[in-house]
Amino acid sequence: MPIDISDPTIFIHIASLSLVIAYSIRRQLYLRIVALISTTMYIAFYFLVPGGPLYVPIYWNTLVIIVNLSVIFVLIRDELDIGIPVEERALMKEIRVLNPGKFRKLMKASERHRTVDDSIILDEG
């Protein structure tokens, strides 16, 4: 059976396949980008479906896109070292288990102190 690209159900197939692919991706940023593509395809279907457009699912899927885009923005921001003072970047590079976003949160919750003598702050053993 040949695929009719003028049939709006093609968008449902693309959306569903995209969602299956998205759920197989472990990295949240990439999963959300593929899910965004899927949601866009669902909106295209709801807009072009015979008897449509179906505005209620279009509105709800638009909300899903807005939420998804805002989380994508946060995920990208967390990977960038923007806003980390130069004097703290050397420390961030030493703490390799934290991405820049988690490092920013750690530094915000911490207090920095300087000693005036040769006090031992940490003794290994």
N, C-alpha and C. Protein backbone atom coordinates (compact mmCIF):
# COMPACT_ATOMS: atom_id res chain seq x y z
N MET A 1 0.84 -1.16 0.00
CA MET A 1 0.00 0.00 0.00
C MET A 1 0.90 1.24 0.00
N PRO A 2 0.79 2.09 -1.01
CA PRO A 2 1.63 3.29 -1.09
C PRO A 2 1.20 4.33 -0.05
N ILE A 3 2.16 5.12 0.35
CA ILE A 3 1.89 6.17 1.33
C ILE A 3 1.41 7.40 0.59
N ASP A 4 0.28 7.92 1.03
CA ASP A 4 -0.29 9.14 0.46
C ASP A 4 0.13 10.31 1.32
N ILE A 5 1.07 11.12 0.82
CA ILE A 5 1.58 12.23 1.64
C ILE A 5 0.58 13.37 1.77
N SER A 6 -0.51 13.33 0.99
CA SER A 6 -1.54 14.35 1.15
C SER A 6 -2.52 14.00 2.27
N ASP A 7 -2.43 12.78 2.79
CA ASP A 7 -3.29 12.33 3.88
C ASP A 7 -2.70 12.82 5.20
N PRO A 8 -3.47 13.57 6.00
CA PRO A 8 -2.93 14.12 7.26
C PRO A 8 -2.49 13.06 8.27
N THR A 9 -2.94 11.81 8.10
CA THR A 9 -2.53 10.78 9.06
C THR A 9 -1.02 10.51 8.98
N ILE A 10 -0.36 10.96 7.93
CA ILE A 10 1.10 10.81 7.85
C ILE A 10 1.75 11.53 9.04
N PHE A 11 1.13 12.64 9.49
CA PHE A 11 1.67 13.37 10.64
C PHE A 11 1.56 12.55 11.92
N ILE A 12 0.50 11.76 12.04
CA ILE A 12 0.35 10.88 13.21
C ILE A 12 1.44 9.82 13.20
N HIS A 13 1.72 9.27 12.02
CA HIS A 13 2.78 8.25 11.92
C HIS A 13 4.14 8.84 12.29
N ILE A 14 4.44 10.02 11.75
CA ILE A 14 5.72 10.68 12.06
C ILE A 14 5.79 11.04 13.54
N ALA A 15 4.70 11.57 14.08
CA ALA A 15 4.66 11.96 15.49
C ALA A 15 4.86 10.74 16.40
N SER A 16 4.16 9.66 16.10
CA SER A 16 4.27 8.45 16.93
C SER A 16 5.65 7.84 16.84
N LEU A 17 6.20 7.77 15.64
CA LEU A 17 7.56 7.24 15.47
C LEU A 17 8.58 8.12 16.20
N SER A 18 8.40 9.43 16.11
CA SER A 18 9.30 10.35 16.82
C SER A 18 9.22 10.15 18.32
N LEU A 19 8.02 9.91 18.82
CA LEU A 19 7.85 9.70 20.26
C LEU A 19 8.50 8.39 20.70
N VAL A 20 8.37 7.36 19.89
CA VAL A 20 9.04 6.08 20.20
C VAL A 20 10.56 6.29 20.24
N ILE A 21 11.07 7.02 19.27
CA ILE A 21 12.51 7.32 19.25
C ILE A 21 12.90 8.16 20.46
N ALA A 22 12.09 9.17 20.79
CA ALA A 22 12.39 10.03 21.94
C ALA A 22 12.49 9.22 23.22
N TYR A 23 11.58 8.29 23.43
CA TYR A 23 11.58 7.50 24.66
C TYR A 23 12.74 6.50 24.71
N SER A 24 13.40 6.29 23.60
CA SER A 24 14.56 5.39 23.61
C SER A 24 15.87 6.15 23.85
N ILE A 25 15.80 7.46 23.95
CA ILE A 25 16.99 8.29 24.16
C ILE A 25 17.14 8.55 25.65
N ARG A 26 18.35 8.37 26.16
CA ARG A 26 18.60 8.55 27.59
C ARG A 26 18.93 9.99 27.97
N ARG A 27 19.57 10.73 27.09
CA ARG A 27 19.93 12.12 27.41
C ARG A 27 18.70 13.00 27.31
N GLN A 28 18.37 13.67 28.41
CA GLN A 28 17.12 14.41 28.51
C GLN A 28 17.00 15.50 27.45
N LEU A 29 18.08 16.21 27.17
CA LEU A 29 18.01 17.28 26.18
C LEU A 29 17.60 16.74 24.81
N TYR A 30 18.24 15.68 24.36
CA TYR A 30 17.91 15.12 23.05
C TYR A 30 16.52 14.51 23.04
N LEU A 31 16.14 13.86 24.14
CA LEU A 31 14.80 13.30 24.25
C LEU A 31 13.76 14.40 24.07
N ARG A 32 13.97 15.53 24.74
CA ARG A 32 13.01 16.64 24.66
C ARG A 32 12.96 17.26 23.26
N ILE A 33 14.09 17.34 22.60
CA ILE A 33 14.10 17.89 21.23
C ILE A 33 13.30 17.00 20.29
N VAL A 34 13.49 15.69 20.40
CA VAL A 34 12.73 14.77 19.54
C VAL A 34 11.25 14.78 19.92
N ALA A 35 10.96 14.87 21.21
CA ALA A 35 9.55 14.96 21.65
C ALA A 35 8.91 16.25 21.14
N LEU A 36 9.69 17.30 21.04
CA LEU A 36 9.20 18.57 20.48
C LEU A 36 8.80 18.39 19.01
N ILE A 37 9.60 17.66 18.28
CA ILE A 37 9.27 17.34 16.88
C ILE A 37 7.97 16.55 16.82
N SER A 38 7.85 15.57 17.71
CA SER A 38 6.65 14.75 17.76
C SER A 38 5.40 15.59 18.04
N THR A 39 5.49 16.46 19.03
CA THR A 39 4.35 17.31 19.38
C THR A 39 3.97 18.23 18.23
N THR A 40 4.97 18.74 17.53
CA THR A 40 4.71 19.59 16.36
C THR A 40 3.95 18.82 15.28
N MET A 41 4.31 17.56 15.08
CA MET A 41 3.61 16.73 14.09
C MET A 41 2.16 16.47 14.50
N TYR A 42 1.94 16.26 15.81
CA TYR A 42 0.56 16.10 16.28
C TYR A 42 -0.26 17.37 16.01
N ILE A 43 0.34 18.52 16.26
CA ILE A 43 -0.37 19.78 15.99
C ILE A 43 -0.70 19.90 14.51
N ALA A 44 0.25 19.53 13.65
CA ALA A 44 -0.01 19.58 12.21
C ALA A 44 -1.20 18.68 11.85
N PHE A 45 -1.25 17.48 12.44
CA PHE A 45 -2.38 16.59 12.17
C PHE A 45 -3.69 17.21 12.64
N TYR A 46 -3.71 17.72 13.87
CA TYR A 46 -4.95 18.30 14.42
C TYR A 46 -5.39 19.52 13.61
N PHE A 47 -4.47 20.19 12.99
CA PHE A 47 -4.81 21.34 12.17
C PHE A 47 -5.38 20.91 10.81
N LEU A 48 -4.84 19.82 10.24
CA LEU A 48 -5.21 19.40 8.88
C LEU A 48 -6.24 18.29 8.83
N VAL A 49 -6.62 17.71 9.95
CA VAL A 49 -7.55 16.58 9.96
C VAL A 49 -8.88 17.00 9.32
N PRO A 50 -9.49 16.10 8.55
CA PRO A 50 -10.80 16.42 7.99
C PRO A 50 -11.80 16.73 9.11
N GLY A 51 -12.56 17.79 8.93
CA GLY A 51 -13.50 18.23 9.95
C GLY A 51 -12.83 19.14 10.98
N GLY A 52 -11.55 19.38 10.78
CA GLY A 52 -10.77 20.19 11.74
C GLY A 52 -10.68 21.63 11.28
N PRO A 53 -9.89 22.40 11.85
CA PRO A 53 -8.89 22.03 12.86
C PRO A 53 -9.53 21.76 14.23
N LEU A 54 -8.84 20.89 14.98
CA LEU A 54 -9.29 20.53 16.32
C LEU A 54 -8.52 21.41 17.31
N TYR A 55 -9.14 22.47 17.74
CA TYR A 55 -8.43 23.49 18.52
C TYR A 55 -8.06 23.05 19.94
N VAL A 56 -8.88 22.24 20.58
CA VAL A 56 -8.56 21.84 21.95
C VAL A 56 -7.23 21.08 22.01
N PRO A 57 -7.03 20.03 21.19
CA PRO A 57 -5.71 19.37 21.25
C PRO A 57 -4.58 20.26 20.74
N ILE A 58 -4.88 21.18 19.84
CA ILE A 58 -3.84 22.12 19.38
C ILE A 58 -3.40 22.99 20.55
N TYR A 59 -4.35 23.50 21.33
CA TYR A 59 -4.01 24.33 22.48
C TYR A 59 -3.20 23.56 23.51
N TRP A 60 -3.64 22.33 23.83
CA TRP A 60 -2.93 21.54 24.83
C TRP A 60 -1.52 21.18 24.35
N ASN A 61 -1.38 20.83 23.09
CA ASN A 61 -0.06 20.50 22.58
C ASN A 61 0.83 21.74 22.48
N THR A 62 0.23 22.91 22.27
CA THR A 62 1.01 24.15 22.29
C THR A 62 1.55 24.39 23.69
N LEU A 63 0.75 24.11 24.71
CA LEU A 63 1.22 24.22 26.09
C LEU A 63 2.37 23.25 26.34
N VAL A 64 2.26 22.03 25.84
CA VAL A 64 3.34 21.04 25.98
C VAL A 64 4.62 21.57 25.33
N ILE A 65 4.49 22.19 24.17
CA ILE A 65 5.66 22.76 23.49
C ILE A 65 6.29 23.87 24.33
N ILE A 66 5.46 24.74 24.90
CA ILE A 66 5.99 25.84 25.73
C ILE A 66 6.75 25.30 26.94
N VAL A 67 6.17 24.33 27.62
CA VAL A 67 6.84 23.73 28.77
C VAL A 67 8.13 23.05 28.33
N ASN A 68 8.07 22.31 27.25
CA ASN A 68 9.24 21.59 26.74
C ASN A 68 10.35 22.57 26.37
N LEU A 69 10.00 23.66 25.69
CA LEU A 69 11.02 24.66 25.31
C LEU A 69 11.65 25.31 26.53
N SER A 70 10.85 25.57 27.56
CA SER A 70 11.42 26.20 28.75
C SER A 70 12.38 25.24 29.47
N VAL A 71 12.07 23.96 29.52
CA VAL A 71 12.98 23.00 30.14
C VAL A 71 14.22 22.81 29.27
N ILE A 72 14.06 22.82 27.96
CA ILE A 72 15.22 22.74 27.06
C ILE A 72 16.16 23.92 27.32
N PHE A 73 15.58 25.11 27.50
CA PHE A 73 16.38 26.29 27.80
C PHE A 73 17.17 26.10 29.11
N VAL A 74 16.52 25.56 30.14
CA VAL A 74 17.19 25.33 31.42
C VAL A 74 18.30 24.29 31.26
N LEU A 75 18.04 23.23 30.51
CA LEU A 75 19.04 22.19 30.31
C LEU A 75 20.27 22.73 29.58
N ILE A 76 20.04 23.56 28.57
CA ILE A 76 21.16 24.16 27.84
C ILE A 76 21.92 25.13 28.74
N ARG A 77 21.20 25.95 29.51
CA ARG A 77 21.84 26.89 30.42
C ARG A 77 22.70 26.17 31.45
N ASP A 78 22.22 25.01 31.93
CA ASP A 78 22.97 24.25 32.93
C ASP A 78 24.28 23.69 32.38
N GLU A 79 24.39 23.57 31.08
CA GLU A 79 25.62 23.06 30.47
C GLU A 79 26.63 24.17 30.17
N LEU A 80 26.22 25.42 30.28
CA LEU A 80 27.10 26.55 29.98
C LEU A 80 27.67 27.13 31.27
N ASP A 81 28.91 27.59 31.22
CA ASP A 81 29.52 28.16 32.42
C ASP A 81 29.33 29.67 32.51
N ILE A 82 28.31 30.17 31.86
CA ILE A 82 27.99 31.59 31.93
C ILE A 82 27.54 31.93 33.35
N GLY A 83 28.05 33.02 33.87
CA GLY A 83 27.67 33.46 35.21
C GLY A 83 28.54 32.91 36.32
N ILE A 84 29.49 32.06 35.98
CA ILE A 84 30.41 31.55 37.00
C ILE A 84 31.64 32.47 37.00
N PRO A 85 31.92 33.10 38.16
CA PRO A 85 33.06 34.00 38.21
C PRO A 85 34.37 33.31 37.83
N VAL A 86 35.27 34.06 37.24
CA VAL A 86 36.54 33.52 36.75
C VAL A 86 37.30 32.81 37.87
N GLU A 87 37.29 33.37 39.08
CA GLU A 87 38.04 32.77 40.19
C GLU A 87 37.46 31.43 40.63
N GLU A 88 36.21 31.14 40.27
CA GLU A 88 35.60 29.86 40.64
C GLU A 88 35.69 28.82 39.53
N ARG A 89 36.06 29.21 38.35
CA ARG A 89 36.10 28.26 37.22
C ARG A 89 37.17 27.19 37.41
N ALA A 90 38.30 27.55 38.01
CA ALA A 90 39.34 26.56 38.26
C ALA A 90 38.82 25.47 39.20
N LEU A 91 38.09 25.89 40.24
CA LEU A 91 37.50 24.92 41.16
C LEU A 91 36.47 24.05 40.44
N MET A 92 35.67 24.66 39.57
CA MET A 92 34.66 23.91 38.83
C MET A 92 35.32 22.82 37.97
N LYS A 93 36.45 23.14 37.36
CA LYS A 93 37.14 22.16 36.51
C LYS A 93 37.68 20.99 37.34
N GLU A 94 37.97 21.24 38.62
CA GLU A 94 38.45 20.17 39.50
C GLU A 94 37.32 19.26 39.95
N ILE A 95 36.12 19.81 40.07
CA ILE A 95 34.96 19.02 40.49
C ILE A 95 34.26 18.56 39.21
N ARG A 96 34.73 17.50 38.65
CA ARG A 96 34.27 17.06 37.33
C ARG A 96 32.90 16.39 37.33
N VAL A 97 32.40 16.02 38.49
CA VAL A 97 31.11 15.32 38.53
C VAL A 97 29.93 16.27 38.44
N LEU A 98 30.18 17.57 38.56
CA LEU A 98 29.10 18.55 38.50
C LEU A 98 29.13 19.31 37.18
N ASN A 99 27.98 19.42 36.54
CA ASN A 99 27.90 20.29 35.37
C ASN A 99 27.87 21.74 35.87
N PRO A 100 28.07 22.71 35.00
CA PRO A 100 28.09 24.11 35.46
C PRO A 100 26.83 24.54 36.22
N GLY A 101 25.67 24.04 35.84
CA GLY A 101 24.43 24.40 36.54
C GLY A 101 24.42 23.91 37.98
N LYS A 102 24.82 22.65 38.19
CA LYS A 102 24.88 22.12 39.54
C LYS A 102 25.99 22.80 40.35
N PHE A 103 27.09 23.14 39.69
CA PHE A 103 28.18 23.86 40.37
C PHE A 103 27.69 25.23 40.83
N ARG A 104 26.93 25.93 39.99
CA ARG A 104 26.37 27.24 40.37
C ARG A 104 25.50 27.11 41.62
N LYS A 105 24.66 26.07 41.67
CA LYS A 105 23.79 25.85 42.82
C LYS A 105 24.61 25.56 44.07
N LEU A 106 25.67 24.75 43.93
CA LEU A 106 26.53 24.45 45.06
C LEU A 106 27.20 25.71 45.58
N MET A 107 27.72 26.54 44.69
CA MET A 107 28.41 27.75 45.11
C MET A 107 27.44 28.76 45.72
N LYS A 108 26.22 28.77 45.25
CA LYS A 108 25.22 29.69 45.81
C LYS A 108 24.88 29.31 47.26
N ALA A 109 24.89 28.01 47.54
CA ALA A 109 24.56 27.53 48.88
C ALA A 109 25.77 27.55 49.82
N SER A 110 26.94 27.78 49.27
CA SER A 110 28.16 27.71 50.09
C SER A 110 28.59 29.08 50.59
N GLU A 111 29.51 29.06 51.54
CA GLU A 111 30.14 30.28 52.04
C GLU A 111 31.64 30.12 51.88
N ARG A 112 32.30 31.18 51.47
CA ARG A 112 33.74 31.14 51.28
C ARG A 112 34.41 31.83 52.47
N HIS A 113 35.42 31.15 53.04
CA HIS A 113 36.17 31.69 54.17
C HIS A 113 37.65 31.61 53.87
N ARG A 114 38.40 32.58 54.35
CA ARG A 114 39.86 32.58 54.24
C ARG A 114 40.44 32.48 55.65
N THR A 115 41.47 31.66 55.77
CA THR A 115 42.14 31.54 57.06
C THR A 115 43.27 32.55 57.13
N VAL A 116 43.58 32.97 58.33
CA VAL A 116 44.66 33.95 58.50
C VAL A 116 45.97 33.27 58.87
N ASP A 117 45.90 32.03 59.27
CA ASP A 117 47.13 31.31 59.60
C ASP A 117 47.20 30.04 58.76
N ASP A 118 48.07 29.14 59.12
CA ASP A 118 48.23 27.90 58.37
C ASP A 118 47.36 26.79 58.95
N SER A 119 46.13 27.08 59.25
CA SER A 119 45.22 26.09 59.84
C SER A 119 44.95 24.97 58.84
N ILE A 120 44.82 23.76 59.37
CA ILE A 120 44.47 22.61 58.55
C ILE A 120 42.95 22.58 58.45
N ILE A 121 42.46 22.65 57.25
CA ILE A 121 41.03 22.64 57.03
C ILE A 121 40.53 21.23 56.79
N LEU A 122 41.32 20.46 56.09
CA LEU A 122 40.94 19.09 55.77
C LEU A 122 42.16 18.21 55.94
N ASP A 123 42.01 17.14 56.70
CA ASP A 123 43.10 16.21 56.92
C ASP A 123 42.66 14.87 56.36
N GLU A 124 43.40 14.36 55.39
CA GLU A 124 43.04 13.10 54.76
C GLU A 124 43.46 11.95 55.66
N GLY A 125 42.60 10.96 55.78
CA GLY A 125 42.98 9.79 56.55
C GLY A 125 42.01 9.37 57.51
